[in-house]
Amino acid sequence: MRDRLIACLSGAPALEARVAADATVDLTFVQLIESARRTAREAGAAFSLAGPAAGQLRETLERGGFLAGADDRSFWLKQAEGR
């Protein structure tokens, strides 16, 4: 998946990732998405999720403390700042 993300981000102005609500994910997946998010930002590209994190992804984010900041909630949960 890492190689596929790198290939998709290469030269693309924007990339949207779809994660199924019933997807099996772990901390490694979250780290991969976070890395892609930073890589896109550094390249001046947009990287987003097609919809808010749900199911096991949301549980993993909550357990791992990935929803602490407003920017993180905006990215992962599609929530506006202040919510």
PDB file of N, CA and C in Angstrom:
ATOM      1  N   MET A   1       0.823  -1.188   0.000  1.00  0.00           N
ATOM      2  CA  MET A   1       0.000   0.000   0.000  1.00  0.00           C
ATOM      3  C   MET A   1       0.873   1.259   0.000  1.00  0.00           C
ATOM      4  N   ARG A   2       1.996   1.183   0.700  1.00  0.00           N
ATOM      5  CA  ARG A   2       2.899   2.339   0.758  1.00  0.00           C
ATOM      6  C   ARG A   2       3.349   2.744  -0.635  1.00  0.00           C
ATOM      7  N   ASP A   3       3.788   1.766  -1.422  1.00  0.00           N
ATOM      8  CA  ASP A   3       4.257   2.046  -2.777  1.00  0.00           C
ATOM      9  C   ASP A   3       3.147   2.620  -3.651  1.00  0.00           C
ATOM     10  N   ARG A   4       1.964   2.115  -3.466  1.00  0.00           N
ATOM     11  CA  ARG A   4       0.826   2.619  -4.248  1.00  0.00           C
ATOM     12  C   ARG A   4       0.524   4.074  -3.890  1.00  0.00           C
ATOM     13  N   LEU A   5       0.560   4.407  -2.609  1.00  0.00           N
ATOM     14  CA  LEU A   5       0.333   5.791  -2.186  1.00  0.00           C
ATOM     15  C   LEU A   5       1.396   6.721  -2.748  1.00  0.00           C
ATOM     16  N   ILE A   6       2.647   6.305  -2.684  1.00  0.00           N
ATOM     17  CA  ILE A   6       3.737   7.125  -3.208  1.00  0.00           C
ATOM     18  C   ILE A   6       3.537   7.373  -4.700  1.00  0.00           C
ATOM     19  N   ALA A   7       3.187   6.332  -5.424  1.00  0.00           N
ATOM     20  CA  ALA A   7       2.962   6.472  -6.860  1.00  0.00           C
ATOM     21  C   ALA A   7       1.802   7.416  -7.155  1.00  0.00           C
ATOM     22  N   CYS A   8       0.747   7.315  -6.387  1.00  0.00           N
ATOM     23  CA  CYS A   8      -0.417   8.181  -6.590  1.00  0.00           C
ATOM     24  C   CYS A   8      -0.115   9.632  -6.241  1.00  0.00           C
ATOM     25  N   LEU A   9       0.700   9.848  -5.223  1.00  0.00           N
ATOM     26  CA  LEU A   9       1.042  11.204  -4.801  1.00  0.00           C
ATOM     27  C   LEU A   9       2.057  11.858  -5.728  1.00  0.00           C
ATOM     28  N   SER A  10       2.793  11.083  -6.450  1.00  0.00           N
ATOM     29  CA  SER A  10       3.840  11.598  -7.315  1.00  0.00           C
ATOM     30  C   SER A  10       3.244  12.452  -8.433  1.00  0.00           C
ATOM     31  N   GLY A  11       3.390  13.748  -8.296  1.00  0.00           N
ATOM     32  CA  GLY A  11       2.933  14.672  -9.321  1.00  0.00           C
ATOM     33  C   GLY A  11       1.447  14.964  -9.317  1.00  0.00           C
ATOM     34  N   ALA A  12       0.694  14.335  -8.459  1.00  0.00           N
ATOM     35  CA  ALA A  12      -0.752  14.582  -8.409  1.00  0.00           C
ATOM     36  C   ALA A  12      -1.047  15.812  -7.561  1.00  0.00           C
ATOM     37  N   PRO A  13      -1.926  16.697  -8.018  1.00  0.00           N
ATOM     38  CA  PRO A  13      -2.261  17.873  -7.218  1.00  0.00           C
ATOM     39  C   PRO A  13      -3.158  17.540  -6.028  1.00  0.00           C
ATOM     40  N   ALA A  14      -3.857  16.407  -6.114  1.00  0.00           N
ATOM     41  CA  ALA A  14      -4.763  16.017  -5.033  1.00  0.00           C
ATOM     42  C   ALA A  14      -4.994  14.511  -5.061  1.00  0.00           C
ATOM     43  N   LEU A  15      -5.232  13.971  -3.880  1.00  0.00           N
ATOM     44  CA  LEU A  15      -5.517  12.547  -3.748  1.00  0.00           C
ATOM     45  C   LEU A  15      -6.536  12.364  -2.633  1.00  0.00           C
ATOM     46  N   GLU A  16      -7.551  11.560  -2.904  1.00  0.00           N
ATOM     47  CA  GLU A  16      -8.575  11.268  -1.912  1.00  0.00           C
ATOM     48  C   GLU A  16      -8.573   9.766  -1.655  1.00  0.00           C
ATOM     49  N   ALA A  17      -8.450   9.383  -0.400  1.00  0.00           N
ATOM     50  CA  ALA A  17      -8.415   7.969  -0.026  1.00  0.00           C
ATOM     51  C   ALA A  17      -9.779   7.546   0.525  1.00  0.00           C
ATOM     52  N   ARG A  18     -10.209   6.392   0.097  1.00  0.00           N
ATOM     53  CA  ARG A  18     -11.461   5.816   0.601  1.00  0.00           C
ATOM     54  C   ARG A  18     -11.119   4.646   1.521  1.00  0.00           C
ATOM     55  N   VAL A  19     -11.674   4.684   2.727  1.00  0.00           N
ATOM     56  CA  VAL A  19     -11.458   3.611   3.687  1.00  0.00           C
ATOM     57  C   VAL A  19     -12.835   3.079   4.074  1.00  0.00           C
ATOM     58  N   ALA A  20     -13.082   1.830   3.757  1.00  0.00           N
ATOM     59  CA  ALA A  20     -14.381   1.228   4.058  1.00  0.00           C
ATOM     60  C   ALA A  20     -14.614   1.185   5.558  1.00  0.00           C
ATOM     61  N   ALA A  21     -15.858   1.364   5.959  1.00  0.00           N
ATOM     62  CA  ALA A  21     -16.199   1.354   7.385  1.00  0.00           C
ATOM     63  C   ALA A  21     -15.871   0.009   8.031  1.00  0.00           C
ATOM     64  N   ASP A  22     -15.876  -1.065   7.243  1.00  0.00           N
ATOM     65  CA  ASP A  22     -15.580  -2.385   7.805  1.00  0.00           C
ATOM     66  C   ASP A  22     -14.130  -2.815   7.550  1.00  0.00           C
ATOM     67  N   ALA A  23     -13.274  -1.868   7.161  1.00  0.00           N
ATOM     68  CA  ALA A  23     -11.868  -2.184   6.905  1.00  0.00           C
ATOM     69  C   ALA A  23     -11.165  -2.616   8.192  1.00  0.00           C
ATOM     70  N   THR A  24     -10.278  -3.574   8.057  1.00  0.00           N
ATOM     71  CA  THR A  24      -9.450  -4.000   9.174  1.00  0.00           C
ATOM     72  C   THR A  24      -8.186  -3.150   9.155  1.00  0.00           C
ATOM     73  N   VAL A  25      -7.996  -2.374  10.202  1.00  0.00           N
ATOM     74  CA  VAL A  25      -6.837  -1.481  10.267  1.00  0.00           C
ATOM     75  C   VAL A  25      -6.144  -1.620  11.614  1.00  0.00           C
ATOM     76  N   ASP A  26      -4.894  -1.190  11.635  1.00  0.00           N
ATOM     77  CA  ASP A  26      -4.143  -1.138  12.877  1.00  0.00           C
ATOM     78  C   ASP A  26      -3.329   0.151  12.888  1.00  0.00           C
ATOM     79  N   LEU A  27      -2.505   0.288  13.877  1.00  0.00           N
ATOM     80  CA  LEU A  27      -1.706   1.497  14.029  1.00  0.00           C
ATOM     81  C   LEU A  27      -0.793   1.730  12.824  1.00  0.00           C
ATOM     82  N   THR A  28      -0.318   0.679  12.203  1.00  0.00           N
ATOM     83  CA  THR A  28       0.545   0.808  11.032  1.00  0.00           C
ATOM     84  C   THR A  28      -0.185   1.520   9.896  1.00  0.00           C
ATOM     85  N   PHE A  29      -1.450   1.200   9.704  1.00  0.00           N
ATOM     86  CA  PHE A  29      -2.237   1.864   8.661  1.00  0.00           C
ATOM     87  C   PHE A  29      -2.372   3.346   8.957  1.00  0.00           C
ATOM     88  N   VAL A  30      -2.665   3.681  10.195  1.00  0.00           N
ATOM     89  CA  VAL A  30      -2.801   5.087  10.582  1.00  0.00           C
ATOM     90  C   VAL A  30      -1.484   5.823  10.332  1.00  0.00           C
ATOM     91  N   GLN A  31      -0.373   5.210  10.691  1.00  0.00           N
ATOM     92  CA  GLN A  31       0.929   5.825  10.455  1.00  0.00           C
ATOM     93  C   GLN A  31       1.180   6.027   8.958  1.00  0.00           C
ATOM     94  N   LEU A  32       0.779   5.088   8.149  1.00  0.00           N
ATOM     95  CA  LEU A  32       0.936   5.208   6.706  1.00  0.00           C
ATOM     96  C   LEU A  32       0.143   6.398   6.160  1.00  0.00           C
ATOM     97  N   ILE A  33      -1.085   6.536   6.606  1.00  0.00           N
ATOM     98  CA  ILE A  33      -1.919   7.654   6.154  1.00  0.00           C
ATOM     99  C   ILE A  33      -1.353   8.978   6.657  1.00  0.00           C
ATOM    100  N   GLU A  34      -0.884   9.013   7.897  1.00  0.00           N
ATOM    101  CA  GLU A  34      -0.276  10.234   8.426  1.00  0.00           C
ATOM    102  C   GLU A  34       0.960  10.622   7.614  1.00  0.00           C
ATOM    103  N   SER A  35       1.762   9.641   7.237  1.00  0.00           N
ATOM    104  CA  SER A  35       2.944   9.897   6.423  1.00  0.00           C
ATOM    105  C   SER A  35       2.549  10.441   5.049  1.00  0.00           C
ATOM    106  N   ALA A  36       1.539   9.857   4.441  1.00  0.00           N
ATOM    107  CA  ALA A  36       1.055  10.331   3.143  1.00  0.00           C
ATOM    108  C   ALA A  36       0.525  11.753   3.262  1.00  0.00           C
ATOM    109  N   ARG A  37      -0.124  12.027   4.351  1.00  0.00           N
ATOM    110  CA  ARG A  37      -0.667  13.374   4.593  1.00  0.00           C
ATOM    111  C   ARG A  37       0.458  14.409   4.653  1.00  0.00           C
ATOM    112  N   ARG A  38       1.524  14.083   5.373  1.00  0.00           N
ATOM    113  CA  ARG A  38       2.679  14.994   5.469  1.00  0.00           C
ATOM    114  C   ARG A  38       3.402  15.128   4.133  1.00  0.00           C
ATOM    115  N   THR A  39       3.578  14.014   3.448  1.00  0.00           N
ATOM    116  CA  THR A  39       4.255  14.033   2.151  1.00  0.00           C
ATOM    117  C   THR A  39       3.496  14.912   1.166  1.00  0.00           C
ATOM    118  N   ALA A  40       2.202  14.780   1.136  1.00  0.00           N
ATOM    119  CA  ALA A  40       1.378  15.599   0.248  1.00  0.00           C
ATOM    120  C   ALA A  40       1.503  17.074   0.613  1.00  0.00           C
ATOM    121  N   ARG A  41       1.429  17.382   1.885  1.00  0.00           N
ATOM    122  CA  ARG A  41       1.532  18.773   2.341  1.00  0.00           C
ATOM    123  C   ARG A  41       2.866  19.378   1.912  1.00  0.00           C
ATOM    124  N   GLU A  42       3.958  18.625   2.101  1.00  0.00           N
ATOM    125  CA  GLU A  42       5.289  19.114   1.731  1.00  0.00           C
ATOM    126  C   GLU A  42       5.422  19.315   0.221  1.00  0.00           C
ATOM    127  N   ALA A  43       4.677  18.543  -0.560  1.00  0.00           N
ATOM    128  CA  ALA A  43       4.728  18.655  -2.019  1.00  0.00           C
ATOM    129  C   ALA A  43       3.719  19.679  -2.554  1.00  0.00           C
ATOM    130  N   GLY A  44       2.955  20.285  -1.642  1.00  0.00           N
ATOM    131  CA  GLY A  44       1.951  21.255  -2.057  1.00  0.00           C
ATOM    132  C   GLY A  44       0.709  20.616  -2.654  1.00  0.00           C
ATOM    133  N   ALA A  45       0.481  19.365  -2.340  1.00  0.00           N
ATOM    134  CA  ALA A  45      -0.688  18.641  -2.851  1.00  0.00           C
ATOM    135  C   ALA A  45      -1.726  18.488  -1.744  1.00  0.00           C
ATOM    136  N   ALA A  46      -2.937  18.227  -2.147  1.00  0.00           N
ATOM    137  CA  ALA A  46      -4.019  17.991  -1.188  1.00  0.00           C
ATOM    138  C   ALA A  46      -4.200  16.490  -0.998  1.00  0.00           C
ATOM    139  N   PHE A  47      -4.352  16.072   0.244  1.00  0.00           N
ATOM    140  CA  PHE A  47      -4.613  14.672   0.561  1.00  0.00           C
ATOM    141  C   PHE A  47      -5.765  14.646   1.546  1.00  0.00           C
ATOM    142  N   SER A  48      -6.794  13.875   1.255  1.00  0.00           N
ATOM    143  CA  SER A  48      -7.957  13.835   2.135  1.00  0.00           C
ATOM    144  C   SER A  48      -8.579  12.448   2.131  1.00  0.00           C
ATOM    145  N   LEU A  49      -9.470  12.247   3.067  1.00  0.00           N
ATOM    146  CA  LEU A  49     -10.273  11.028   3.118  1.00  0.00           C
ATOM    147  C   LEU A  49     -11.603  11.331   2.452  1.00  0.00           C
ATOM    148  N   ALA A  50     -12.175  10.330   1.808  1.00  0.00           N
ATOM    149  CA  ALA A  50     -13.452  10.515   1.126  1.00  0.00           C
ATOM    150  C   ALA A  50     -14.595  10.760   2.115  1.00  0.00           C
ATOM    151  N   GLY A  51     -14.453  10.235   3.315  1.00  0.00           N
ATOM    152  CA  GLY A  51     -15.488  10.401   4.325  1.00  0.00           C
ATOM    153  C   GLY A  51     -14.873  10.286   5.703  1.00  0.00           C
ATOM    154  N   PRO A  52     -15.647  10.550   6.731  1.00  0.00           N
ATOM    155  CA  PRO A  52     -15.110  10.470   8.089  1.00  0.00           C
ATOM    156  C   PRO A  52     -14.721   9.053   8.479  1.00  0.00           C
ATOM    157  N   ALA A  53     -13.696   8.939   9.296  1.00  0.00           N
ATOM    158  CA  ALA A  53     -13.242   7.637   9.792  1.00  0.00           C
ATOM    159  C   ALA A  53     -14.374   6.979  10.575  1.00  0.00           C
ATOM    160  N   ALA A  54     -14.537   5.685  10.339  1.00  0.00           N
ATOM    161  CA  ALA A  54     -15.593   4.938  11.020  1.00  0.00           C
ATOM    162  C   ALA A  54     -15.063   3.558  11.387  1.00  0.00           C
ATOM    163  N   GLY A  55     -15.834   2.840  12.147  1.00  0.00           N
ATOM    164  CA  GLY A  55     -15.510   1.460  12.484  1.00  0.00           C
ATOM    165  C   GLY A  55     -14.170   1.315  13.188  1.00  0.00           C
ATOM    166  N   GLN A  56     -13.424   0.301  12.766  1.00  0.00           N
ATOM    167  CA  GLN A  56     -12.148  -0.005  13.411  1.00  0.00           C
ATOM    168  C   GLN A  56     -11.129   1.126  13.245  1.00  0.00           C
ATOM    169  N   LEU A  57     -11.194   1.838  12.126  1.00  0.00           N
ATOM    170  CA  LEU A  57     -10.278   2.967  11.940  1.00  0.00           C
ATOM    171  C   LEU A  57     -10.514   4.017  13.016  1.00  0.00           C
ATOM    172  N   ARG A  58     -11.751   4.364  13.250  1.00  0.00           N
ATOM    173  CA  ARG A  58     -12.052   5.371  14.279  1.00  0.00           C
ATOM    174  C   ARG A  58     -11.616   4.885  15.667  1.00  0.00           C
ATOM    175  N   GLU A  59     -11.867   3.633  15.967  1.00  0.00           N
ATOM    176  CA  GLU A  59     -11.453   3.076  17.255  1.00  0.00           C
ATOM    177  C   GLU A  59      -9.935   3.146  17.415  1.00  0.00           C
ATOM    178  N   THR A  60      -9.208   2.815  16.361  1.00  0.00           N
ATOM    179  CA  THR A  60      -7.746   2.863  16.403  1.00  0.00           C
ATOM    180  C   THR A  60      -7.262   4.293  16.605  1.00  0.00           C
ATOM    181  N   LEU A  61      -7.891   5.238  15.930  1.00  0.00           N
ATOM    182  CA  LEU A  61      -7.523   6.647  16.085  1.00  0.00           C
ATOM    183  C   LEU A  61      -7.749   7.128  17.517  1.00  0.00           C
ATOM    184  N   GLU A  62      -8.883   6.751  18.084  1.00  0.00           N
ATOM    185  CA  GLU A  62      -9.195   7.156  19.457  1.00  0.00           C
ATOM    186  C   GLU A  62      -8.212   6.541  20.449  1.00  0.00           C
ATOM    187  N   ARG A  63      -7.953   5.240  20.318  1.00  0.00           N
ATOM    188  CA  ARG A  63      -7.023   4.563  21.235  1.00  0.00           C
ATOM    189  C   ARG A  63      -5.607   5.117  21.108  1.00  0.00           C
ATOM    190  N   GLY A  64      -5.214   5.484  19.889  1.00  0.00           N
ATOM    191  CA  GLY A  64      -3.855   5.972  19.649  1.00  0.00           C
ATOM    192  C   GLY A  64      -3.671   7.446  19.915  1.00  0.00           C
ATOM    193  N   GLY A  65      -4.725   8.166  20.264  1.00  0.00           N
ATOM    194  CA  GLY A  65      -4.619   9.589  20.559  1.00  0.00           C
ATOM    195  C   GLY A  65      -4.447  10.463  19.324  1.00  0.00           C
ATOM    196  N   PHE A  66      -4.928   9.990  18.181  1.00  0.00           N
ATOM    197  CA  PHE A  66      -4.764  10.733  16.931  1.00  0.00           C
ATOM    198  C   PHE A  66      -5.851  11.782  16.696  1.00  0.00           C
ATOM    199  N   LEU A  67      -6.772  11.939  17.626  1.00  0.00           N
ATOM    200  CA  LEU A  67      -7.861  12.891  17.431  1.00  0.00           C
ATOM    201  C   LEU A  67      -7.801  14.051  18.403  1.00  0.00           C
ATOM    202  N   ALA A  68      -6.623  14.323  18.936  1.00  0.00           N
ATOM    203  CA  ALA A  68      -6.478  15.351  19.966  1.00  0.00           C
ATOM    204  C   ALA A  68      -6.581  16.769  19.413  1.00  0.00           C
ATOM    205  N   GLY A  69      -6.020  17.007  18.254  1.00  0.00           N
ATOM    206  CA  GLY A  69      -5.997  18.364  17.704  1.00  0.00           C
ATOM    207  C   GLY A  69      -7.131  18.624  16.731  1.00  0.00           C
ATOM    208  N   ALA A  70      -7.496  19.904  16.594  1.00  0.00           N
ATOM    209  CA  ALA A  70      -8.573  20.292  15.689  1.00  0.00           C
ATOM    210  C   ALA A  70      -8.237  19.930  14.244  1.00  0.00           C
ATOM    211  N   ASP A  71      -6.978  20.100  13.851  1.00  0.00           N
ATOM    212  CA  ASP A  71      -6.563  19.756  12.491  1.00  0.00           C
ATOM    213  C   ASP A  71      -6.731  18.255  12.252  1.00  0.00           C
ATOM    214  N   ASP A  72      -6.407  17.457  13.260  1.00  0.00           N
ATOM    215  CA  ASP A  72      -6.560  16.002  13.140  1.00  0.00           C
ATOM    216  C   ASP A  72      -8.027  15.603  13.038  1.00  0.00           C
ATOM    217  N   ARG A  73      -8.873  16.203  13.874  1.00  0.00           N
ATOM    218  CA  ARG A  73     -10.315  15.900  13.806  1.00  0.00           C
ATOM    219  C   ARG A  73     -10.885  16.329  12.453  1.00  0.00           C
ATOM    220  N   SER A  74     -10.396  17.451  11.946  1.00  0.00           N
ATOM    221  CA  SER A  74     -10.848  17.921  10.640  1.00  0.00           C
ATOM    222  C   SER A  74     -10.485  16.920   9.554  1.00  0.00           C
ATOM    223  N   PHE A  75      -9.238  16.411   9.583  1.00  0.00           N
ATOM    224  CA  PHE A  75      -8.801  15.447   8.579  1.00  0.00           C
ATOM    225  C   PHE A  75      -9.520  14.105   8.724  1.00  0.00           C
ATOM    226  N   TRP A  76      -9.447  13.517   9.894  1.00  0.00           N
ATOM    227  CA  TRP A  76      -9.950  12.162  10.091  1.00  0.00           C
ATOM    228  C   TRP A  76     -11.476  12.084  10.190  1.00  0.00           C
ATOM    229  N   LEU A  77     -12.103  13.072  10.810  1.00  0.00           N
ATOM    230  CA  LEU A  77     -13.540  12.987  11.080  1.00  0.00           C
ATOM    231  C   LEU A  77     -14.370  13.962  10.274  1.00  0.00           C
ATOM    232  N   LYS A  78     -13.687  14.796   9.479  1.00  0.00           N
ATOM    233  CA  LYS A  78     -14.377  15.800   8.669  1.00  0.00           C
ATOM    234  C   LYS A  78     -15.152  16.791   9.548  1.00  0.00           C
ATOM    235  N   GLN A  79     -14.573  17.119  10.702  1.00  0.00           N
ATOM    236  CA  GLN A  79     -15.208  18.057  11.620  1.00  0.00           C
ATOM    237  C   GLN A  79     -14.530  19.423  11.489  1.00  0.00           C
ATOM    238  N   ALA A  80     -15.343  20.448  11.492  1.00  0.00           N
ATOM    239  CA  ALA A  80     -14.805  21.806  11.467  1.00  0.00           C
ATOM    240  C   ALA A  80     -14.171  22.123  12.796  1.00  0.00           C
ATOM    241  N   GLU A  81     -13.219  23.039  12.792  1.00  0.00           N
ATOM    242  CA  GLU A  81     -12.558  23.428  14.046  1.00  0.00           C
ATOM    243  C   GLU A  81     -13.589  23.943  15.032  1.00  0.00           C
ATOM    244  N   GLY A  82     -13.338  23.676  16.310  1.00  0.00           N
ATOM    245  CA  GLY A  82     -14.234  24.118  17.364  1.00  0.00           C
ATOM    246  C   GLY A  82     -15.293  23.098  17.735  1.00  0.00           C
ATOM    247  N   ARG A  83     -15.342  21.998  17.036  1.00  0.00           N
ATOM    248  CA  ARG A  83     -16.334  20.951  17.356  1.00  0.00           C
ATOM    249  C   ARG A  83     -15.744  19.933  18.279  1.00  0.00           C
TER     250      ARG A  83
END
